[in-house]
Amino acid sequence: MADVSSNFVEKLGGVATKWSAFAALGSFLLYLLGYLTLRFQLSTYGVATNLDLLDEKYFFAGCRFLVYLVSSVPNVLILVLVLAAIGYVPYALTPTAVRDRLGHWAAGWTTKPARLPLLGTILAIAFIQFVLRRCFALGNVLLQKQLPDEWISSVLLSGDGRLSFYYSGLVAGALLTGGIFCYVLRRGSATTSMAKLLLAVLGFLVAVEFLLLPVNYGVLISTQLLPRVSELGGDDRLLDGERGWVVWDSKDAFTYFIIGSGDKRTLLTIPRKDGKVKIIAYDDIYCVLFSADHSNSRPCAR
């Protein structure tokens, strides 16, 4: 009986130790994801501020990103099912002999150790360079009179459904290259020096892809809505014809975005002790600023 109790206590202690380690790792990842989200959200707005090393806002921002990421999974499954259905029709119409030859060719092609890692590396490089990095073109947009002449600008101004499916496509692309990496790693087919090198490069690129997911979320998703206020703090006031929004609040100050007559735009920082926030609405700030360039899929109220 004593041995049973001792074993139980040892197992319980091991579980507690592992749980503490997993909790610490999970908290660090949430903080990292939240920091990336907020850092690039502020860069998109054009707010020049230093972020503290430790702030609970990172944790909550990381949680919001994680929830949005998980909610994208159904859209990813829909994309996979649609593509599978589209591909099944020509596959079903293809003669059996041709399908067998294609199967033998694919099996023979993947037997070469370096081919799958090379394919994954090429796909990852193309995906990072031409899709994931395009959000970097969107910077200081609150002070710009026109969005950059980039295709990513149309994504920023698309409807909620399209924007959600676009982000799901980003997740699907990262999962595709990550799946190739895990498949090759688990199968152990990277036996040559070149294959191992390509697999290591692919692993690095997959990590970059997943780090760019919160960056894209911070630029495209979390920047959409801003709280509109009825007045500013301290000695500053909203003049006739001016509208103001809270862009950022830190421990020391509030940062407001103000639009005045003649489309004059200003970012104003007020010390927190003099500031107060009276929110009267939440506005899609890109509809407010760029409604003339907006697609008709999501009407913009001015």
Protein backbone atom coordinates (compact mmCIF):
# COMPACT_ATOMS: atom_id res chain seq x y z
CA MET A 1 0.00 0.00 0.00
CA ALA A 2 2.86 2.35 0.81
CA ASP A 3 4.47 1.58 -2.57
CA VAL A 4 1.22 2.40 -4.39
CA SER A 5 0.93 5.71 -2.54
CA SER A 6 4.57 6.52 -3.25
CA ASN A 7 4.17 5.77 -6.98
CA PHE A 8 1.03 7.89 -7.11
CA VAL A 9 2.79 10.82 -5.45
CA GLU A 10 5.74 10.51 -7.85
CA LYS A 11 3.46 10.44 -10.90
CA LEU A 12 1.47 13.37 -9.57
CA GLY A 13 4.69 15.32 -9.03
CA GLY A 14 5.84 14.51 -12.57
CA VAL A 15 2.51 15.66 -14.04
CA ALA A 16 2.67 18.89 -11.99
CA THR A 17 6.22 19.58 -13.20
CA LYS A 18 5.32 18.97 -16.84
CA TRP A 19 2.14 21.02 -16.50
CA SER A 20 4.12 23.94 -15.10
CA ALA A 21 6.56 23.73 -17.99
CA PHE A 22 3.75 23.57 -20.58
CA ALA A 23 1.96 26.48 -18.90
CA ALA A 24 5.14 28.58 -18.94
CA LEU A 25 5.76 27.75 -22.60
CA GLY A 26 2.14 28.48 -23.52
CA SER A 27 2.22 31.83 -21.73
CA PHE A 28 5.47 32.78 -23.49
CA LEU A 29 4.00 31.89 -26.90
CA LEU A 30 0.84 33.91 -26.20
CA TYR A 31 2.95 36.89 -25.14
CA LEU A 32 5.08 36.56 -28.30
CA LEU A 33 2.05 36.27 -30.58
CA GLY A 34 0.37 39.19 -28.83
CA TYR A 35 3.49 41.34 -29.08
CA LEU A 36 3.76 40.70 -32.83
CA THR A 37 0.07 41.47 -33.27
CA LEU A 38 0.20 44.78 -31.39
CA ARG A 39 3.57 45.84 -32.79
CA PHE A 40 2.41 45.57 -36.40
CA GLN A 41 -1.04 46.91 -35.59
CA LEU A 42 0.57 50.12 -34.32
CA SER A 43 2.96 50.21 -37.30
CA THR A 44 -0.03 49.99 -39.63
CA TYR A 45 -1.67 52.91 -37.83
CA GLY A 46 1.57 54.90 -37.86
CA VAL A 47 1.77 55.25 -34.07
CA ALA A 48 5.33 55.84 -32.87
CA THR A 49 5.52 54.40 -29.38
CA ASN A 50 7.69 52.05 -27.41
CA LEU A 51 6.06 48.89 -26.14
CA ASP A 52 6.92 47.73 -22.66
CA LEU A 53 8.74 44.45 -22.30
CA LEU A 54 5.99 42.99 -20.12
CA ASP A 55 2.36 44.00 -20.52
CA GLU A 56 -0.83 42.02 -20.00
CA LYS A 57 -2.09 43.45 -23.29
CA TYR A 58 0.23 41.07 -25.12
CA PHE A 59 -1.40 38.10 -23.40
CA PHE A 60 -4.94 39.20 -24.30
CA ALA A 61 -3.92 40.10 -27.85
CA GLY A 62 -2.30 36.67 -28.19
CA CYS A 63 -5.51 35.04 -26.92
CA ARG A 64 -7.60 36.98 -29.46
CA PHE A 65 -5.26 35.94 -32.25
CA LEU A 66 -5.38 32.31 -31.13
CA VAL A 67 -9.18 32.33 -31.04
CA TYR A 68 -9.31 33.86 -34.53
CA LEU A 69 -6.77 31.32 -35.77
CA VAL A 70 -8.81 28.41 -34.41
CA SER A 71 -12.01 29.88 -35.85
CA SER A 72 -10.31 29.87 -39.28
CA VAL A 73 -10.05 26.06 -39.24
CA PRO A 74 -13.63 25.50 -40.54
CA ASN A 75 -12.89 27.82 -43.46
CA VAL A 76 -9.68 25.88 -44.15
CA LEU A 77 -11.69 22.64 -44.18
CA ILE A 78 -14.20 24.21 -46.58
CA LEU A 79 -11.35 25.25 -48.90
CA VAL A 80 -9.88 21.74 -48.77
CA LEU A 81 -13.26 20.12 -49.48
CA VAL A 82 -13.97 22.46 -52.40
CA LEU A 83 -10.55 21.84 -53.94
CA ALA A 84 -10.91 18.11 -53.36
CA ALA A 85 -14.33 18.12 -55.04
CA ILE A 86 -12.98 20.08 -58.00
CA GLY A 87 -10.01 17.73 -58.34
CA TYR A 88 -12.13 14.59 -57.95
CA VAL A 89 -14.12 15.21 -61.14
CA PRO A 90 -11.17 14.98 -63.58
CA TYR A 91 -9.69 12.19 -61.42
CA ALA A 92 -12.88 10.13 -61.71
CA LEU A 93 -13.04 10.72 -65.48
CA THR A 94 -9.43 9.66 -65.97
CA PRO A 95 -9.02 6.03 -67.18
CA THR A 96 -7.81 3.55 -64.56
CA ALA A 97 -4.62 2.80 -66.47
CA VAL A 98 -3.69 6.48 -66.54
CA ARG A 99 -4.42 6.82 -62.81
CA ASP A 100 -2.20 3.83 -62.08
CA ARG A 101 0.65 5.28 -64.12
CA LEU A 102 0.29 8.62 -62.33
CA GLY A 103 0.31 6.84 -58.97
CA HIS A 104 3.46 4.89 -59.86
CA TRP A 105 5.11 8.07 -61.14
CA ALA A 106 4.28 9.97 -57.93
CA ALA A 107 5.52 7.10 -55.76
CA GLY A 108 8.74 6.93 -57.73
CA TRP A 109 9.18 10.70 -57.68
CA THR A 110 8.92 10.90 -53.89
CA THR A 111 11.46 8.12 -53.35
CA LYS A 112 14.28 10.57 -54.14
CA PRO A 113 15.29 11.96 -50.71
CA ALA A 114 15.71 15.61 -51.70
CA ARG A 115 12.63 16.07 -53.87
CA LEU A 116 9.89 16.55 -51.25
CA PRO A 117 12.00 18.90 -49.08
CA LEU A 118 12.89 20.86 -52.23
CA LEU A 119 9.22 21.10 -53.23
CA GLY A 120 8.25 22.28 -49.76
CA THR A 121 11.08 24.84 -49.71
CA ILE A 122 10.05 26.28 -53.09
CA LEU A 123 6.40 26.51 -52.01
CA ALA A 124 7.33 28.13 -48.68
CA ILE A 125 9.63 30.71 -50.31
CA ALA A 126 6.98 31.64 -52.89
CA PHE A 127 4.26 31.82 -50.23
CA ILE A 128 6.32 34.04 -47.92
CA GLN A 129 7.65 36.32 -50.65
CA PHE A 130 4.47 36.87 -52.68
CA VAL A 131 1.69 36.51 -50.08
CA LEU A 132 2.66 36.68 -46.41
CA ARG A 133 5.11 39.60 -46.74
CA ARG A 134 2.74 41.80 -48.73
CA CYS A 135 1.17 43.17 -45.54
CA PHE A 136 4.42 45.08 -44.90
CA ALA A 137 3.33 47.50 -47.65
CA LEU A 138 0.55 48.75 -45.35
CA GLY A 139 2.20 51.20 -42.99
CA ASN A 140 1.16 54.57 -41.55
CA VAL A 141 -2.22 54.21 -43.28
CA LEU A 142 -4.07 56.61 -40.95
CA LEU A 143 -2.03 59.53 -42.26
CA GLN A 144 -2.16 58.50 -45.91
CA LYS A 145 -4.71 59.94 -48.31
CA GLN A 146 -4.55 56.85 -50.48
CA LEU A 147 -3.66 53.23 -49.87
CA PRO A 148 -0.54 51.80 -51.55
CA ASP A 149 -1.02 50.62 -55.11
CA GLU A 150 -0.73 46.98 -54.05
CA TRP A 151 -3.15 44.09 -54.38
CA ILE A 152 -3.08 43.69 -50.59
CA SER A 153 -4.93 47.03 -50.33
CA SER A 154 -8.00 45.43 -51.92
CA VAL A 155 -7.82 42.68 -49.31
CA LEU A 156 -7.78 45.28 -46.54
CA LEU A 157 -10.93 46.85 -47.99
CA SER A 158 -12.79 43.63 -48.73
CA GLY A 159 -15.88 42.40 -46.92
CA ASP A 160 -15.71 40.55 -43.63
CA GLY A 161 -16.40 37.19 -45.28
CA ARG A 162 -13.76 37.64 -47.96
CA LEU A 163 -11.23 38.86 -45.42
CA SER A 164 -11.92 35.83 -43.25
CA PHE A 165 -11.49 33.43 -46.17
CA TYR A 166 -8.31 35.22 -47.25
CA TYR A 167 -6.82 34.74 -43.80
CA SER A 168 -7.95 31.11 -43.86
CA GLY A 169 -6.01 30.78 -47.10
CA LEU A 170 -2.90 32.06 -45.30
CA VAL A 171 -3.42 29.44 -42.60
CA ALA A 172 -3.97 26.73 -45.23
CA GLY A 173 -0.74 27.66 -47.02
CA ALA A 174 1.27 27.49 -43.80
CA LEU A 175 -0.33 24.15 -42.93
CA LEU A 176 0.49 22.76 -46.39
CA THR A 177 4.22 23.43 -46.16
CA GLY A 178 4.19 22.42 -42.48
CA GLY A 179 2.51 19.16 -43.47
CA ILE A 180 5.23 18.44 -46.05
CA PHE A 181 7.89 19.10 -43.40
CA CYS A 182 6.22 16.80 -40.84
CA TYR A 183 5.64 14.08 -43.45
CA VAL A 184 9.29 14.00 -44.54
CA LEU A 185 10.50 14.20 -40.94
CA ARG A 186 8.25 11.38 -39.77
CA ARG A 187 9.00 9.16 -42.75
CA GLY A 188 12.74 9.69 -42.29
CA SER A 189 13.31 9.86 -46.03
CA ALA A 190 15.81 12.73 -45.85
CA THR A 191 18.85 10.47 -45.80
CA THR A 192 21.37 12.44 -47.89
CA SER A 193 23.24 15.56 -46.84
CA MET A 194 21.39 17.69 -49.41
CA ALA A 195 18.00 16.36 -48.28
CA LYS A 196 18.81 17.06 -44.61
CA LEU A 197 19.92 20.59 -45.49
CA LEU A 198 16.74 21.25 -47.47
CA LEU A 199 14.64 19.82 -44.65
CA ALA A 200 16.33 22.15 -42.16
CA VAL A 201 15.70 25.12 -44.46
CA LEU A 202 12.08 24.04 -44.86
CA GLY A 203 11.66 23.81 -41.09
CA PHE A 204 13.00 27.34 -40.69
CA LEU A 205 10.68 28.67 -43.42
CA VAL A 206 7.67 26.97 -41.85
CA ALA A 207 8.51 28.68 -38.53
CA VAL A 208 8.73 32.02 -40.40
CA GLU A 209 5.32 31.37 -41.98
CA PHE A 210 3.66 30.75 -38.63
CA LEU A 211 5.32 33.86 -37.15
CA LEU A 212 3.96 35.91 -40.04
CA LEU A 213 0.39 34.76 -39.30
CA PRO A 214 0.03 37.05 -36.23
CA VAL A 215 1.74 39.82 -38.22
CA ASN A 216 -0.92 39.57 -40.94
CA TYR A 217 -3.60 39.37 -38.26
CA GLY A 218 -2.26 42.54 -36.65
CA VAL A 219 -2.20 44.39 -39.99
CA LEU A 220 -5.37 43.15 -41.67
CA ILE A 221 -7.79 42.01 -38.96
CA SER A 222 -7.19 43.75 -35.63
CA THR A 223 -6.83 47.21 -37.18
CA GLN A 224 -10.33 47.38 -38.65
CA LEU A 225 -12.37 48.83 -35.77
CA LEU A 226 -11.50 51.91 -33.72
CA PRO A 227 -13.54 53.38 -30.83
CA ARG A 228 -14.84 56.87 -31.65
CA VAL A 229 -14.87 59.34 -28.76
CA SER A 230 -17.00 62.38 -28.05
CA GLU A 231 -14.21 64.45 -26.48
CA LEU A 232 -10.52 64.52 -25.70
CA GLY A 233 -8.77 64.90 -22.38
CA GLY A 234 -6.87 67.77 -20.80
CA ASP A 235 -6.97 71.16 -22.51
CA ASP A 236 -7.51 69.67 -25.98
CA ARG A 237 -10.98 69.72 -27.51
CA LEU A 238 -12.59 68.40 -30.66
CA LEU A 239 -13.42 71.39 -32.84
CA ASP A 240 -16.47 71.67 -35.04
CA GLY A 241 -16.18 69.24 -37.91
CA GLU A 242 -13.54 67.12 -36.17
CA ARG A 243 -13.88 63.46 -35.28
CA GLY A 244 -11.60 61.53 -32.97
CA TRP A 245 -10.77 57.89 -32.25
CA VAL A 246 -8.64 56.19 -29.62
CA VAL A 247 -5.79 54.42 -31.35
CA TRP A 248 -3.71 53.34 -28.37
CA ASP A 249 -3.76 53.63 -24.61
CA SER A 250 -0.68 52.87 -22.56
CA LYS A 251 0.13 53.24 -18.89
CA ASP A 252 1.30 56.80 -19.49
CA ALA A 253 -0.79 58.25 -22.32
CA PHE A 254 -3.72 58.05 -24.73
CA THR A 255 -3.10 58.36 -28.46
CA TYR A 256 -5.97 59.81 -30.51
CA PHE A 257 -6.49 59.94 -34.25
CA ILE A 258 -8.28 63.11 -35.34
CA ILE A 259 -9.78 64.04 -38.70
CA GLY A 260 -10.60 67.71 -39.22
CA SER A 261 -11.94 69.89 -42.00
CA GLY A 262 -10.23 69.47 -45.33
CA ASP A 263 -9.35 65.88 -44.42
CA LYS A 264 -6.62 67.09 -42.07
CA ARG A 265 -5.31 64.12 -40.09
CA THR A 266 -3.47 64.18 -36.78
CA LEU A 267 -2.17 61.71 -34.23
CA LEU A 268 -2.35 63.32 -30.80
CA THR A 269 -0.87 61.95 -27.56
CA ILE A 270 -2.29 63.12 -24.23
CA PRO A 271 -0.91 62.14 -20.81
CA ARG A 272 -3.10 59.54 -19.21
CA LYS A 273 -3.62 61.63 -16.05
CA ASP A 274 -5.20 64.35 -18.21
CA GLY A 275 -7.01 62.00 -20.54
CA LYS A 276 -10.40 60.35 -20.43
CA VAL A 277 -12.29 58.19 -22.85
CA LYS A 278 -15.98 58.55 -23.71
CA ILE A 279 -16.67 56.04 -26.44
CA ILE A 280 -19.77 56.70 -28.55
CA ALA A 281 -19.28 54.22 -31.41
CA TYR A 282 -16.94 51.73 -33.06
CA ASP A 283 -16.10 52.59 -36.67
CA ASP A 284 -14.48 50.65 -39.48
CA ILE A 285 -11.65 53.12 -39.84
CA TYR A 286 -10.75 52.04 -43.37
CA CYS A 287 -14.30 52.65 -44.51
CA VAL A 288 -14.10 56.13 -42.99
CA LEU A 289 -10.77 56.94 -44.62
CA PHE A 290 -10.91 55.16 -47.96
CA SER A 291 -14.61 54.63 -48.74
CA ALA A 292 -14.10 56.09 -52.21
CA ASP A 293 -11.80 53.17 -53.01
CA HIS A 294 -13.96 50.61 -51.22
CA SER A 295 -15.64 47.70 -52.97
CA ASN A 296 -19.43 47.56 -52.87
CA SER A 297 -19.39 44.22 -51.05
CA ARG A 298 -19.41 46.00 -47.67
CA PRO A 299 -21.09 49.41 -47.69
CA CYS A 300 -19.26 52.03 -45.67
CA ALA A 301 -21.27 54.44 -43.54
CA ARG A 302 -19.70 57.89 -43.40
